[in-house]
């Protein structure tokens, strides 16, 4: 039962991550642009 749950959880996590990327959320935005002087998070500045 546990391996099936792990597989289902992994598929769900990938689906949520893909949906967030499609909507314009970028989790790694602050890491990718450390010199951004605006200081706005990716949640406040939607594309």
C-alpha atoms as a PDB file:
ATOM      1  CA  UNK A   1       0.000   0.000   0.000  1.00  0.00           C
ATOM      2  CA  UNK A   2       2.808   2.427   0.822  1.00  0.00           C
ATOM      3  CA  UNK A   3       4.499   2.261  -2.628  1.00  0.00           C
ATOM      4  CA  UNK A   4       1.154   3.031  -4.307  1.00  0.00           C
ATOM      5  CA  UNK A   5       0.672   5.996  -1.980  1.00  0.00           C
ATOM      6  CA  UNK A   6       4.184   7.257  -2.736  1.00  0.00           C
ATOM      7  CA  UNK A   7       3.526   7.029  -6.471  1.00  0.00           C
ATOM      8  CA  UNK A   8       0.208   8.834  -6.141  1.00  0.00           C
ATOM      9  CA  UNK A   9       1.774  11.567  -4.006  1.00  0.00           C
ATOM     10  CA  UNK A  10       4.604  12.045  -6.513  1.00  0.00           C
ATOM     11  CA  UNK A  11       2.191  12.305  -9.450  1.00  0.00           C
ATOM     12  CA  UNK A  12       0.033  14.791  -7.545  1.00  0.00           C
ATOM     13  CA  UNK A  13       3.063  16.912  -6.615  1.00  0.00           C
ATOM     14  CA  UNK A  14       4.243  16.998 -10.236  1.00  0.00           C
ATOM     15  CA  UNK A  15       0.766  17.960 -11.413  1.00  0.00           C
ATOM     16  CA  UNK A  16       0.554  20.811  -8.901  1.00  0.00           C
ATOM     17  CA  UNK A  17       4.035  22.019  -9.829  1.00  0.00           C
ATOM     18  CA  UNK A  18       3.184  21.979 -13.545  1.00  0.00           C
ATOM     19  CA  UNK A  19      -0.052  23.874 -12.908  1.00  0.00           C
ATOM     20  CA  UNK A  20       1.761  26.522 -10.870  1.00  0.00           C
ATOM     21  CA  UNK A  21       4.373  26.951 -13.596  1.00  0.00           C
ATOM     22  CA  UNK A  22       1.664  27.294 -16.232  1.00  0.00           C
ATOM     23  CA  UNK A  23      -0.053  30.030 -14.219  1.00  0.00           C
ATOM     24  CA  UNK A  24       3.182  31.987 -13.953  1.00  0.00           C
ATOM     25  CA  UNK A  25       4.354  31.133 -10.454  1.00  0.00           C
ATOM     26  CA  UNK A  26       8.080  30.556 -10.286  1.00  0.00           C
ATOM     27  CA  UNK A  27       9.311  29.056  -7.033  1.00  0.00           C
ATOM     28  CA  UNK A  28      12.957  29.705  -7.923  1.00  0.00           C
ATOM     29  CA  UNK A  29      12.509  33.318  -9.020  1.00  0.00           C
ATOM     30  CA  UNK A  30      14.298  34.794  -6.000  1.00  0.00           C
ATOM     31  CA  UNK A  31      17.205  32.370  -6.381  1.00  0.00           C
ATOM     32  CA  UNK A  32      17.558  32.979 -10.112  1.00  0.00           C
ATOM     33  CA  UNK A  33      17.649  36.791  -9.765  1.00  0.00           C
ATOM     34  CA  UNK A  34      19.441  37.686  -6.525  1.00  0.00           C
ATOM     35  CA  UNK A  35      20.255  41.228  -7.760  1.00  0.00           C
ATOM     36  CA  UNK A  36      16.637  42.247  -8.184  1.00  0.00           C
ATOM     37  CA  UNK A  37      16.374  45.560  -6.314  1.00  0.00           C
ATOM     38  CA  UNK A  38      12.569  45.673  -6.331  1.00  0.00           C
ATOM     39  CA  UNK A  39      12.233  43.024  -3.658  1.00  0.00           C
ATOM     40  CA  UNK A  40       8.849  41.881  -4.878  1.00  0.00           C
ATOM     41  CA  UNK A  41       7.995  38.248  -4.466  1.00  0.00           C
ATOM     42  CA  UNK A  42       6.653  36.119  -7.287  1.00  0.00           C
ATOM     43  CA  UNK A  43       3.239  36.039  -5.624  1.00  0.00           C
ATOM     44  CA  UNK A  44       2.758  39.797  -5.792  1.00  0.00           C
ATOM     45  CA  UNK A  45       3.967  40.270  -9.352  1.00  0.00           C
ATOM     46  CA  UNK A  46       1.981  38.006 -11.626  1.00  0.00           C
ATOM     47  CA  UNK A  47       2.828  37.752 -15.284  1.00  0.00           C
END
